[in-house]
């Protein structure tokens, strides 16, 4: 064993001896301190939740306020209705065709046979 090992071993023994000499606090004292910390944390969380709820309610109240009568002053309703249009979202997926499938395809003459298909 080297000198540094012996020094370290004696330092650890001394530290252990000093810690062992400190009296252990009573269970009631430790429990009361832990309960106090938990209660303080609960109070802080409750106050924070209340403040957040109040802020959300204020934001909702401001957002739902009655509209001002002059909001339509700068908008022309007729122009707005004439310039807007609607198309189905699926129209962008379909290819552009030059003919109307319901008007331009001729009617196929059916076969006279019982189990026959259309005559092409």
N, C-alpha and C. Protein backbone atom coordinates (compact mmCIF):
# COMPACT_ATOMS: atom_id res chain seq x y z
N UNK A 1 0.85 -1.16 0.00
CA UNK A 1 0.00 0.00 0.00
C UNK A 1 0.91 1.24 0.00
N UNK A 2 0.53 2.21 -0.82
CA UNK A 2 1.35 3.42 -0.92
C UNK A 2 0.92 4.43 0.15
N UNK A 3 1.70 5.49 0.24
CA UNK A 3 1.38 6.53 1.23
C UNK A 3 0.06 7.22 0.91
N UNK A 4 -0.21 7.44 -0.35
CA UNK A 4 -1.46 8.11 -0.72
C UNK A 4 -2.67 7.21 -0.39
N UNK A 5 -2.50 5.89 -0.56
CA UNK A 5 -3.59 4.98 -0.20
C UNK A 5 -3.84 5.00 1.30
N UNK A 6 -2.78 5.00 2.06
CA UNK A 6 -2.92 5.03 3.52
C UNK A 6 -3.54 6.35 3.97
N UNK A 7 -3.16 7.45 3.35
CA UNK A 7 -3.74 8.76 3.68
C UNK A 7 -5.23 8.78 3.35
N UNK A 8 -5.56 8.27 2.18
CA UNK A 8 -6.96 8.22 1.76
C UNK A 8 -7.78 7.34 2.70
N UNK A 9 -7.24 6.19 3.08
CA UNK A 9 -7.95 5.28 3.98
C UNK A 9 -8.17 5.94 5.35
N UNK A 10 -7.19 6.62 5.85
CA UNK A 10 -7.37 7.29 7.15
C UNK A 10 -8.36 8.45 7.04
N UNK A 11 -8.36 9.16 5.93
CA UNK A 11 -9.31 10.26 5.73
C UNK A 11 -10.74 9.74 5.66
N UNK A 12 -10.93 8.61 4.98
CA UNK A 12 -12.26 8.02 4.88
C UNK A 12 -12.72 7.55 6.25
N UNK A 13 -11.85 6.91 7.02
CA UNK A 13 -12.22 6.45 8.36
C UNK A 13 -12.60 7.63 9.26
N UNK A 14 -11.84 8.71 9.18
CA UNK A 14 -12.13 9.89 10.00
C UNK A 14 -13.46 10.52 9.60
N UNK A 15 -13.72 10.61 8.30
CA UNK A 15 -14.99 11.18 7.83
C UNK A 15 -16.16 10.31 8.28
N UNK A 16 -15.97 9.00 8.22
CA UNK A 16 -17.02 8.08 8.65
C UNK A 16 -17.27 8.21 10.15
N UNK A 17 -16.22 8.37 10.90
CA UNK A 17 -16.35 8.51 12.35
C UNK A 17 -17.08 9.81 12.69
N UNK A 18 -16.80 10.90 11.96
CA UNK A 18 -17.45 12.19 12.22
C UNK A 18 -18.96 12.11 11.87
N UNK A 19 -19.27 11.44 10.81
CA UNK A 19 -20.67 11.32 10.42
C UNK A 19 -21.42 10.47 11.42
N UNK A 20 -20.80 9.42 11.89
CA UNK A 20 -21.44 8.54 12.86
C UNK A 20 -21.71 9.26 14.19
N UNK A 21 -20.93 10.30 14.49
CA UNK A 21 -21.12 11.00 15.76
C UNK A 21 -22.29 11.98 15.72
N UNK A 22 -22.79 12.33 14.53
CA UNK A 22 -23.93 13.25 14.42
C UNK A 22 -25.19 12.48 14.80
N UNK A 23 -26.00 13.04 15.71
CA UNK A 23 -27.20 12.32 16.13
C UNK A 23 -28.25 12.31 14.99
N UNK A 24 -28.95 11.21 14.90
CA UNK A 24 -30.00 11.05 13.89
C UNK A 24 -31.23 11.81 14.37
N UNK A 25 -31.85 12.66 13.47
CA UNK A 25 -33.03 13.40 13.91
C UNK A 25 -34.22 12.45 14.12
N UNK A 26 -35.13 12.89 14.95
CA UNK A 26 -36.31 12.08 15.23
C UNK A 26 -37.18 11.97 13.97
N UNK A 27 -37.90 10.86 13.89
CA UNK A 27 -38.74 10.62 12.73
C UNK A 27 -39.80 11.71 12.58
N UNK A 28 -40.37 12.16 13.65
CA UNK A 28 -41.41 13.18 13.59
C UNK A 28 -40.86 14.49 13.00
N UNK A 29 -39.63 14.83 13.34
CA UNK A 29 -39.02 16.05 12.84
C UNK A 29 -38.79 15.95 11.33
N UNK A 30 -38.29 14.81 10.88
CA UNK A 30 -38.06 14.61 9.45
C UNK A 30 -39.38 14.59 8.69
N UNK A 31 -40.37 13.92 9.27
CA UNK A 31 -41.69 13.84 8.62
C UNK A 31 -42.34 15.22 8.52
N UNK A 32 -42.22 16.03 9.57
CA UNK A 32 -42.78 17.38 9.57
C UNK A 32 -42.10 18.25 8.51
N UNK A 33 -40.77 18.13 8.38
CA UNK A 33 -40.05 18.91 7.37
C UNK A 33 -40.48 18.50 5.96
N UNK A 34 -40.62 17.19 5.73
CA UNK A 34 -41.04 16.71 4.41
C UNK A 34 -42.47 17.13 4.11
N UNK A 35 -43.34 17.07 5.11
CA UNK A 35 -44.73 17.51 4.92
C UNK A 35 -44.80 19.00 4.61
N UNK A 36 -43.98 19.78 5.27
CA UNK A 36 -43.94 21.22 5.01
C UNK A 36 -43.48 21.53 3.59
N UNK A 37 -42.44 20.80 3.14
CA UNK A 37 -41.97 20.99 1.76
C UNK A 37 -43.04 20.61 0.76
N UNK A 38 -43.72 19.49 1.00
CA UNK A 38 -44.77 19.04 0.08
C UNK A 38 -45.93 20.03 0.05
N UNK A 39 -46.30 20.56 1.22
CA UNK A 39 -47.39 21.54 1.27
C UNK A 39 -47.01 22.81 0.54
N UNK A 40 -45.77 23.26 0.69
CA UNK A 40 -45.32 24.47 -0.02
C UNK A 40 -45.33 24.25 -1.52
N UNK A 41 -44.89 23.08 -1.96
CA UNK A 41 -44.91 22.77 -3.39
C UNK A 41 -46.34 22.73 -3.91
N UNK A 42 -47.25 22.12 -3.13
CA UNK A 42 -48.66 22.06 -3.53
C UNK A 42 -49.25 23.46 -3.65
N UNK A 43 -48.93 24.33 -2.69
CA UNK A 43 -49.44 25.71 -2.73
C UNK A 43 -48.93 26.44 -3.96
N UNK A 44 -47.63 26.29 -4.26
CA UNK A 44 -47.07 26.95 -5.44
C UNK A 44 -47.73 26.45 -6.72
N UNK A 45 -47.94 25.15 -6.83
CA UNK A 45 -48.59 24.60 -8.02
C UNK A 45 -50.04 25.07 -8.13
N UNK A 46 -50.74 25.14 -6.99
CA UNK A 46 -52.12 25.60 -7.00
C UNK A 46 -52.20 27.06 -7.44
N UNK A 47 -51.30 27.90 -6.93
CA UNK A 47 -51.29 29.30 -7.32
C UNK A 47 -50.91 29.47 -8.79
N UNK A 48 -49.96 28.67 -9.27
CA UNK A 48 -49.57 28.73 -10.67
C UNK A 48 -50.72 28.28 -11.57
N UNK A 49 -51.41 27.21 -11.18
CA UNK A 49 -52.55 26.74 -11.98
C UNK A 49 -53.66 27.77 -11.98
N UNK A 50 -53.90 28.43 -10.85
CA UNK A 50 -54.91 29.49 -10.80
C UNK A 50 -54.54 30.66 -11.69
N UNK A 51 -53.27 31.05 -11.67
CA UNK A 51 -52.83 32.16 -12.52
C UNK A 51 -52.95 31.81 -14.01
N UNK A 52 -52.59 30.58 -14.36
CA UNK A 52 -52.71 30.14 -15.75
C UNK A 52 -54.18 30.11 -16.16
N UNK A 53 -55.05 29.60 -15.31
CA UNK A 53 -56.48 29.55 -15.63
C UNK A 53 -57.04 30.96 -15.81
N UNK A 54 -56.63 31.88 -14.94
CA UNK A 54 -57.10 33.26 -15.07
C UNK A 54 -56.60 33.89 -16.37
N UNK A 55 -55.36 33.62 -16.74
CA UNK A 55 -54.82 34.16 -17.99
C UNK A 55 -55.55 33.59 -19.20
N UNK A 56 -55.86 32.29 -19.17
CA UNK A 56 -56.60 31.67 -20.27
C UNK A 56 -58.00 32.25 -20.38
N UNK A 57 -58.66 32.42 -19.24
CA UNK A 57 -60.02 32.99 -19.26
C UNK A 57 -59.98 34.43 -19.78
N UNK A 58 -58.96 35.19 -19.42
CA UNK A 58 -58.83 36.55 -19.92
C UNK A 58 -58.59 36.56 -21.43
N UNK A 59 -57.75 35.65 -21.91
CA UNK A 59 -57.49 35.58 -23.34
C UNK A 59 -58.75 35.19 -24.10
N UNK A 60 -59.53 34.25 -23.56
CA UNK A 60 -60.78 33.85 -24.20
C UNK A 60 -61.77 35.01 -24.20
N UNK A 61 -61.86 35.72 -23.09
CA UNK A 61 -62.78 36.86 -23.00
C UNK A 61 -62.41 37.94 -24.01
N UNK A 62 -61.12 38.20 -24.17
CA UNK A 62 -60.69 39.21 -25.14
C UNK A 62 -60.96 38.71 -26.56
N UNK A 63 -60.75 37.43 -26.81
CA UNK A 63 -60.98 36.87 -28.14
C UNK A 63 -62.45 36.82 -28.51
N UNK A 64 -63.34 36.69 -27.55
CA UNK A 64 -64.76 36.57 -27.83
C UNK A 64 -65.51 37.90 -27.70
N UNK A 65 -64.78 38.97 -27.57
CA UNK A 65 -65.46 40.26 -27.41
C UNK A 65 -66.30 40.56 -28.64
N UNK A 66 -67.28 41.41 -28.47
CA UNK A 66 -68.18 41.76 -29.57
C UNK A 66 -67.42 42.49 -30.66
N UNK A 67 -67.70 42.18 -31.93
CA UNK A 67 -66.98 42.87 -33.00
C UNK A 67 -67.39 44.34 -33.10
N UNK A 68 -66.48 45.13 -33.53
CA UNK A 68 -66.74 46.55 -33.70
C UNK A 68 -67.59 46.74 -34.95
N UNK A 69 -68.52 47.70 -34.92
CA UNK A 69 -69.43 47.90 -36.05
C UNK A 69 -68.70 48.37 -37.30
N UNK A 70 -67.58 49.00 -37.18
CA UNK A 70 -66.87 49.54 -38.33
C UNK A 70 -65.94 48.52 -39.01
N UNK A 71 -66.00 47.27 -38.61
CA UNK A 71 -65.12 46.27 -39.23
C UNK A 71 -65.46 46.06 -40.69
N UNK A 72 -66.74 46.18 -41.10
CA UNK A 72 -67.16 45.96 -42.48
C UNK A 72 -67.04 47.24 -43.31
N UNK A 73 -66.53 48.31 -42.71
CA UNK A 73 -66.45 49.59 -43.40
C UNK A 73 -65.54 49.51 -44.62
N UNK A 74 -64.45 48.77 -44.53
CA UNK A 74 -63.47 48.73 -45.61
C UNK A 74 -63.64 47.52 -46.53
N UNK A 75 -64.66 46.70 -46.31
CA UNK A 75 -64.91 45.53 -47.15
C UNK A 75 -66.19 45.72 -47.94
N UNK A 76 -66.14 45.41 -49.21
CA UNK A 76 -67.32 45.46 -50.04
C UNK A 76 -67.85 44.04 -50.15
N UNK A 77 -69.03 43.80 -49.61
CA UNK A 77 -69.57 42.44 -49.56
C UNK A 77 -69.81 41.87 -50.95
N UNK A 78 -70.33 42.66 -51.86
CA UNK A 78 -70.60 42.17 -53.22
C UNK A 78 -69.31 41.78 -53.93
N UNK A 79 -68.29 42.60 -53.78
CA UNK A 79 -67.02 42.28 -54.42
C UNK A 79 -66.42 41.02 -53.82
N UNK A 80 -66.55 40.86 -52.52
CA UNK A 80 -66.04 39.68 -51.84
C UNK A 80 -66.74 38.42 -52.33
N UNK A 81 -68.07 38.49 -52.49
CA UNK A 81 -68.83 37.34 -52.94
C UNK A 81 -68.57 37.02 -54.41
N UNK A 82 -68.29 38.02 -55.24
CA UNK A 82 -68.04 37.78 -56.66
C UNK A 82 -66.65 37.23 -56.92
N UNK A 83 -65.69 37.52 -56.07
CA UNK A 83 -64.32 37.11 -56.34
C UNK A 83 -63.96 35.77 -55.70
N UNK A 84 -64.84 35.23 -54.90
CA UNK A 84 -64.53 33.94 -54.29
C UNK A 84 -65.27 32.84 -55.00
N UNK A 85 -64.68 31.69 -55.06
CA UNK A 85 -65.31 30.54 -55.69
C UNK A 85 -64.97 29.29 -54.91
N UNK A 86 -65.72 28.24 -55.20
CA UNK A 86 -65.51 27.00 -54.48
C UNK A 86 -65.30 25.89 -55.49
N UNK A 87 -64.41 24.99 -55.17
CA UNK A 87 -64.25 23.75 -55.94
C UNK A 87 -63.92 22.65 -54.95
N UNK A 88 -64.27 21.45 -55.36
CA UNK A 88 -64.05 20.30 -54.47
C UNK A 88 -62.55 20.08 -54.31
N UNK A 89 -62.12 19.66 -53.12
CA UNK A 89 -60.69 19.40 -52.92
C UNK A 89 -60.17 18.29 -53.82
N UNK A 90 -61.04 17.36 -54.21
CA UNK A 90 -60.59 16.25 -55.07
C UNK A 90 -60.39 16.69 -56.51
N UNK A 91 -60.85 17.88 -56.90
CA UNK A 91 -60.67 18.34 -58.27
C UNK A 91 -59.20 18.47 -58.64
N UNK A 92 -58.35 18.75 -57.68
CA UNK A 92 -56.92 18.87 -57.98
C UNK A 92 -56.30 17.51 -58.24
N UNK A 93 -56.95 16.43 -57.84
CA UNK A 93 -56.42 15.08 -58.06
C UNK A 93 -56.82 14.52 -59.41
N UNK A 94 -57.91 15.02 -59.99
CA UNK A 94 -58.41 14.49 -61.26
C UNK A 94 -57.72 15.18 -62.42
N UNK A 95 -57.46 14.43 -63.50
CA UNK A 95 -56.83 15.06 -64.67
C UNK A 95 -57.82 15.97 -65.39
N UNK A 96 -57.30 16.97 -66.07
CA UNK A 96 -58.15 17.89 -66.84
C UNK A 96 -58.56 17.20 -68.13
N UNK A 97 -59.83 17.14 -68.42
CA UNK A 97 -60.35 16.50 -69.63
C UNK A 97 -60.98 17.55 -70.52
N UNK A 98 -60.98 17.28 -71.81
CA UNK A 98 -61.53 18.21 -72.78
C UNK A 98 -62.98 17.88 -73.13
N UNK A 99 -63.52 16.80 -72.60
CA UNK A 99 -64.90 16.44 -72.94
C UNK A 99 -65.66 16.07 -71.68
N UNK A 100 -66.96 16.13 -71.78
CA UNK A 100 -67.83 15.74 -70.67
C UNK A 100 -68.14 14.27 -70.82
N UNK A 101 -67.73 13.48 -69.85
CA UNK A 101 -67.86 12.02 -69.97
C UNK A 101 -69.31 11.58 -70.06
N UNK A 102 -70.23 12.35 -69.54
CA UNK A 102 -71.64 11.95 -69.56
C UNK A 102 -72.34 12.35 -70.86
N UNK A 103 -71.79 13.32 -71.60
CA UNK A 103 -72.43 13.79 -72.82
C UNK A 103 -71.77 13.26 -74.08
N UNK A 104 -70.48 13.04 -74.08
CA UNK A 104 -69.74 12.74 -75.30
C UNK A 104 -69.54 11.27 -75.59
N UNK A 105 -69.69 10.37 -74.64
CA UNK A 105 -69.53 8.94 -74.90
C UNK A 105 -70.85 8.39 -75.42
N UNK A 106 -70.82 7.71 -76.55
CA UNK A 106 -72.08 7.19 -77.11
C UNK A 106 -72.64 6.04 -76.27
N UNK A 107 -73.92 5.83 -76.40
CA UNK A 107 -74.58 4.73 -75.72
C UNK A 107 -74.21 3.43 -76.43
N UNK A 108 -73.82 2.44 -75.69
CA UNK A 108 -73.45 1.16 -76.28
C UNK A 108 -74.69 0.31 -76.51
N UNK A 109 -74.80 -0.26 -77.71
CA UNK A 109 -75.95 -1.10 -78.04
C UNK A 109 -75.76 -2.45 -77.36
N UNK A 110 -76.80 -2.89 -76.70
CA UNK A 110 -76.69 -4.15 -75.99
C UNK A 110 -76.92 -5.32 -76.94
N UNK A 111 -76.35 -6.46 -76.56
CA UNK A 111 -76.48 -7.66 -77.37
C UNK A 111 -77.88 -8.23 -77.25
N UNK A 112 -78.31 -8.94 -78.29
CA UNK A 112 -79.62 -9.59 -78.25
C UNK A 112 -79.54 -10.96 -77.61
N UNK A 113 -78.35 -11.46 -77.40
CA UNK A 113 -78.21 -12.76 -76.75
C UNK A 113 -78.45 -12.60 -75.26
N UNK A 114 -78.89 -13.69 -74.60
CA UNK A 114 -79.23 -13.64 -73.20
C UNK A 114 -78.04 -13.30 -72.32
N UNK A 115 -76.92 -13.97 -72.55
CA UNK A 115 -75.74 -13.74 -71.71
C UNK A 115 -74.66 -12.94 -72.43
N UNK A 116 -75.03 -12.25 -73.46
CA UNK A 116 -74.06 -11.50 -74.23
C UNK A 116 -73.84 -10.12 -73.60
N UNK A 117 -72.70 -9.53 -73.89
CA UNK A 117 -72.39 -8.20 -73.38
C UNK A 117 -72.75 -7.13 -74.38
N UNK A 118 -72.16 -5.99 -74.24
CA UNK A 118 -72.44 -4.88 -75.15
C UNK A 118 -71.73 -5.11 -76.46
N UNK A 119 -72.36 -4.65 -77.56
CA UNK A 119 -71.74 -4.75 -78.88
C UNK A 119 -70.78 -3.58 -79.06
N UNK A 120 -69.56 -3.90 -79.40
CA UNK A 120 -68.58 -2.83 -79.57
C UNK A 120 -68.32 -2.55 -81.02
